[in-house]
Amino acid sequence: MANQRNYQKELDGLITKLKDERKVPRLFLHSCCAPCSSYVLEYLSEYFEITVFYYNPNIYPPEEYHERAAEQKRFIEQFPAKHKISYIEGVYDTKRFYDMTRGLEKIMEGGERCFKCYELRLRESAILAKEGGFDYFTTTLSISPLKNVEKLNEIGEALETEYGIKHLTSDFKKKNGYKRSTELSKEYDLYRQNYCGCVFSFNANTTRNAHAETAKNVAEATQ
């Protein structure tokens, strides 16, 4: 079995090289939400000039999408970054997401449907990063303990080859990144959602909550 890659160590090596060369590259950073971006921006804005790309056609319902977008913009405006952080918002084209998921509706969270969703958002990021003359692109998604970091980096590296734009290797939950994101969320009073974003995760979360409530009621009734 091949040795598992240490994505954080690879990123550490790149950052050391950038510091030695006194370079501040431009990074096109896909973000799923403000809480997930919080630590990533705190960390990477020390070394990169960042454009946050809020592109999430998977998010359901529309009210949720717009609330997350507003929180993303607010955090960027309030965060005292060393290097400039800009914000652009992609097209909220839900049809593109649902067309992509056709035939995958019954697959469990964390499977092939999620991988397709990673690719959808990373592909759009790679295309725009290339068009905009950025040095690197990546996503905040690897900060989540629930996301497949190997698949995220595999997709990013395939897109690097396809479009000729460097993918920034990442595993942002390392170095207590996820923990730090929860601390920053509290510090900035960020809206922190309780499901990934799509209608499938929304429905799964609703079902889990209903089961938990039923179990609670049964336990109380038998006391």
Protein backbone atom coordinates (compact mmCIF):
# COMPACT_ATOMS: atom_id res chain seq x y z
CA MET A 1 0.00 0.00 0.00
CA ALA A 2 1.36 3.42 -0.96
CA ASN A 3 2.19 5.88 1.79
CA GLN A 4 -0.60 8.37 2.45
CA ARG A 5 0.30 11.88 1.37
CA ASN A 6 0.69 14.59 3.97
CA TYR A 7 -1.01 17.49 2.20
CA GLN A 8 -0.34 19.91 5.04
CA LYS A 9 3.38 19.14 4.95
CA GLU A 10 3.38 19.81 1.20
CA LEU A 11 1.68 23.16 1.77
CA ASP A 12 4.13 24.01 4.56
CA GLY A 13 6.98 23.40 2.13
CA LEU A 14 5.48 25.71 -0.48
CA ILE A 15 4.87 28.48 2.06
CA THR A 16 8.45 28.24 3.30
CA LYS A 17 9.64 28.61 -0.30
CA LEU A 18 7.39 31.64 -0.87
CA LYS A 19 8.67 33.32 2.28
CA ASP A 20 12.28 32.67 1.29
CA GLU A 21 11.62 34.17 -2.14
CA ARG A 22 9.55 37.01 -0.65
CA LYS A 23 6.73 36.31 -3.07
CA VAL A 24 3.01 36.97 -2.48
CA PRO A 25 1.12 34.95 -5.11
CA ARG A 26 -2.50 35.49 -6.07
CA LEU A 27 -4.87 32.75 -4.90
CA PHE A 28 -8.38 32.07 -6.22
CA LEU A 29 -10.12 30.45 -3.25
CA HIS A 30 -13.45 28.69 -3.63
CA SER A 31 -15.46 29.00 -0.43
CA CYS A 32 -18.54 27.10 0.66
CA CYS A 33 -19.37 29.37 3.61
CA ALA A 34 -17.94 31.95 6.00
CA PRO A 35 -17.23 29.56 8.93
CA CYS A 36 -15.21 27.19 6.73
CA SER A 37 -13.34 30.12 5.17
CA SER A 38 -12.53 31.81 8.48
CA TYR A 39 -9.44 29.86 9.47
CA VAL A 40 -8.35 29.40 5.85
CA LEU A 41 -8.34 33.16 5.32
CA GLU A 42 -6.61 33.81 8.63
CA TYR A 43 -3.93 31.29 7.67
CA LEU A 44 -3.41 31.94 3.96
CA SER A 45 -3.81 35.73 3.89
CA GLU A 46 -0.41 35.89 5.61
CA TYR A 47 1.16 34.54 2.43
CA PHE A 48 -1.26 35.13 -0.47
CA GLU A 49 -3.37 37.87 -1.99
CA ILE A 50 -6.75 36.13 -2.05
CA THR A 51 -9.93 36.38 -4.08
CA VAL A 52 -12.75 34.45 -2.43
CA PHE A 53 -15.05 32.81 -4.95
CA TYR A 54 -18.44 32.04 -3.45
CA TYR A 55 -19.80 29.52 -5.95
CA ASN A 56 -22.29 27.04 -4.55
CA PRO A 57 -25.20 26.16 -6.87
CA ASN A 58 -25.80 23.11 -4.68
CA ILE A 59 -27.19 25.08 -1.74
CA TYR A 60 -30.85 24.65 -0.84
CA PRO A 61 -33.12 26.52 -0.27
CA PRO A 62 -32.37 29.90 -1.91
CA GLU A 63 -32.78 31.70 1.43
CA GLU A 64 -29.96 29.57 2.82
CA TYR A 65 -27.75 30.38 -0.16
CA HIS A 66 -28.21 34.12 0.25
CA GLU A 67 -27.69 34.04 4.02
CA ARG A 68 -24.40 32.19 3.57
CA ALA A 69 -23.30 34.63 0.87
CA ALA A 70 -24.07 37.61 3.10
CA GLU A 71 -22.09 36.10 5.97
CA GLN A 72 -19.15 35.42 3.67
CA LYS A 73 -19.05 39.05 2.56
CA ARG A 74 -19.42 40.32 6.13
CA PHE A 75 -16.54 38.22 7.41
CA ILE A 76 -14.22 39.41 4.63
CA GLU A 77 -15.15 43.03 5.35
CA GLN A 78 -14.48 42.65 9.08
CA PHE A 79 -11.39 40.44 9.05
CA PRO A 80 -8.06 42.36 9.39
CA ALA A 81 -6.00 40.51 6.77
CA LYS A 82 -2.31 41.15 6.15
CA HIS A 83 -2.79 40.93 2.37
CA LYS A 84 -5.80 41.97 0.34
CA ILE A 85 -8.90 39.73 0.28
CA SER A 86 -11.44 40.31 -2.50
CA TYR A 87 -14.84 38.70 -3.05
CA ILE A 88 -16.70 37.58 -6.14
CA GLU A 89 -19.90 35.57 -6.33
CA GLY A 90 -20.60 32.92 -8.94
CA VAL A 91 -23.91 32.31 -10.68
CA TYR A 92 -26.50 30.58 -8.51
CA ASP A 93 -27.45 28.12 -11.23
CA THR A 94 -29.22 25.31 -9.36
CA LYS A 95 -30.19 23.59 -12.62
CA ARG A 96 -26.52 22.89 -13.26
CA PHE A 97 -26.27 21.14 -9.90
CA TYR A 98 -29.46 19.08 -10.32
CA ASP A 99 -28.49 18.05 -13.85
CA MET A 100 -25.20 16.81 -12.42
CA THR A 101 -26.90 14.78 -9.69
CA ARG A 102 -29.37 13.03 -12.01
CA GLY A 103 -29.21 9.29 -11.33
CA LEU A 104 -27.26 9.83 -8.10
CA GLU A 105 -30.14 10.98 -5.92
CA LYS A 106 -30.21 7.89 -3.68
CA ILE A 107 -26.46 7.71 -3.01
CA MET A 108 -25.47 8.33 0.60
CA GLU A 109 -23.74 11.54 1.64
CA GLY A 110 -19.99 11.34 1.19
CA GLY A 111 -20.20 9.24 -1.97
CA GLU A 112 -20.09 9.78 -5.72
CA ARG A 113 -22.70 12.56 -5.75
CA CYS A 114 -20.56 14.59 -3.34
CA PHE A 115 -17.46 13.97 -5.45
CA LYS A 116 -19.31 15.29 -8.51
CA CYS A 117 -20.27 18.35 -6.50
CA TYR A 118 -16.63 18.91 -5.52
CA GLU A 119 -15.67 18.74 -9.18
CA LEU A 120 -18.44 21.08 -10.32
CA ARG A 121 -17.28 23.83 -7.99
CA LEU A 122 -13.56 23.24 -8.38
CA ARG A 123 -13.83 23.16 -12.18
CA GLU A 124 -15.52 26.56 -12.26
CA SER A 125 -12.84 27.83 -9.89
CA ALA A 126 -10.01 26.52 -12.08
CA ILE A 127 -11.50 28.05 -15.23
CA LEU A 128 -11.90 31.50 -13.67
CA ALA A 129 -8.51 31.33 -11.95
CA LYS A 130 -6.87 30.62 -15.30
CA GLU A 131 -8.81 33.38 -17.05
CA GLY A 132 -7.94 35.83 -14.26
CA GLY A 133 -4.22 35.12 -14.34
CA PHE A 134 -4.07 33.80 -10.79
CA ASP A 135 -1.11 31.78 -9.55
CA TYR A 136 -3.11 29.14 -7.66
CA PHE A 137 -6.63 27.92 -6.98
CA THR A 138 -8.04 25.77 -4.19
CA THR A 139 -11.10 25.33 -1.97
CA THR A 140 -11.95 25.69 1.71
CA LEU A 141 -13.75 22.33 1.66
CA SER A 142 -10.86 20.31 3.10
CA ILE A 143 -11.33 22.00 6.48
CA SER A 144 -14.35 19.80 7.13
CA PRO A 145 -13.72 16.45 8.86
CA LEU A 146 -16.64 15.13 6.78
CA LYS A 147 -15.07 15.88 3.38
CA ASN A 148 -12.81 13.45 1.51
CA VAL A 149 -9.48 15.28 1.41
CA GLU A 150 -7.86 12.74 -0.93
CA LYS A 151 -10.65 13.16 -3.47
CA LEU A 152 -10.56 16.96 -3.21
CA ASN A 153 -6.83 17.07 -3.95
CA GLU A 154 -7.12 14.43 -6.66
CA ILE A 155 -9.77 16.52 -8.45
CA GLY A 156 -7.79 19.72 -7.98
CA GLU A 157 -4.64 18.19 -9.43
CA ALA A 158 -6.52 16.75 -12.42
CA LEU A 159 -7.93 20.22 -13.12
CA GLU A 160 -4.44 21.71 -12.78
CA THR A 161 -3.31 19.43 -15.61
CA GLU A 162 -6.41 20.14 -17.69
CA TYR A 163 -6.38 23.94 -17.41
CA GLY A 164 -2.74 24.75 -16.71
CA ILE A 165 -3.39 26.53 -13.41
CA LYS A 166 -1.63 25.42 -10.22
CA HIS A 167 -3.76 23.73 -7.57
CA LEU A 168 -2.83 24.60 -3.99
CA THR A 169 -2.60 21.35 -2.07
CA SER A 170 -4.58 21.50 1.16
CA ASP A 171 -5.85 19.75 4.24
CA PHE A 172 -7.02 22.76 6.22
CA LYS A 173 -8.38 20.81 9.19
CA LYS A 174 -4.76 20.03 10.14
CA LYS A 175 -2.93 22.28 12.64
CA ASN A 176 -6.25 22.47 14.53
CA GLY A 177 -7.73 24.32 11.56
CA TYR A 178 -11.26 23.04 12.09
CA LYS A 179 -11.10 23.90 15.80
CA ARG A 180 -9.84 27.38 14.97
CA SER A 181 -12.70 27.86 12.49
CA THR A 182 -15.22 27.21 15.28
CA GLU A 183 -13.44 29.75 17.50
CA LEU A 184 -13.45 32.39 14.76
CA SER A 185 -17.12 31.67 14.05
CA LYS A 186 -17.91 32.49 17.68
CA GLU A 187 -15.63 35.53 17.70
CA TYR A 188 -17.30 37.02 14.60
CA ASP A 189 -20.77 35.68 15.47
CA LEU A 190 -21.00 33.88 12.14
CA TYR A 191 -24.10 32.00 11.06
CA ARG A 192 -23.04 28.35 11.26
CA GLN A 193 -25.36 26.00 9.35
CA ASN A 194 -26.15 22.46 10.55
CA TYR A 195 -26.05 20.70 7.17
CA CYS A 196 -23.68 20.71 4.22
CA GLY A 197 -25.90 22.66 1.87
CA CYS A 198 -27.72 20.63 -0.79
CA VAL A 199 -31.30 19.37 -0.66
CA PHE A 200 -30.03 15.84 -0.05
CA SER A 201 -28.08 16.83 3.05
CA PHE A 202 -30.98 19.06 4.13
CA ASN A 203 -33.40 16.13 3.96
CA ALA A 204 -30.96 13.78 5.70
CA ASN A 205 -30.47 16.30 8.50
CA THR A 206 -34.23 16.77 8.85
CA THR A 207 -34.70 13.00 9.12
CA ARG A 208 -31.93 12.70 11.74
CA ASN A 209 -33.48 15.48 13.80
CA ALA A 210 -36.91 13.87 13.60
CA HIS A 211 -35.52 10.52 14.75
CA ALA A 212 -33.67 12.19 17.61
CA GLU A 213 -36.82 14.02 18.70
CA THR A 214 -38.83 10.79 18.58
CA ALA A 215 -36.22 8.97 20.66
CA LYS A 216 -36.21 11.82 23.18
CA ASN A 217 -40.00 11.74 23.48
CA VAL A 218 -40.04 7.97 23.95
CA ALA A 219 -37.36 8.19 26.64
CA GLU A 220 -39.27 10.90 28.49
CA ALA A 221 -42.52 8.93 28.27
CA THR A 222 -40.94 5.84 29.83
CA GLN A 223 -39.35 7.63 32.77
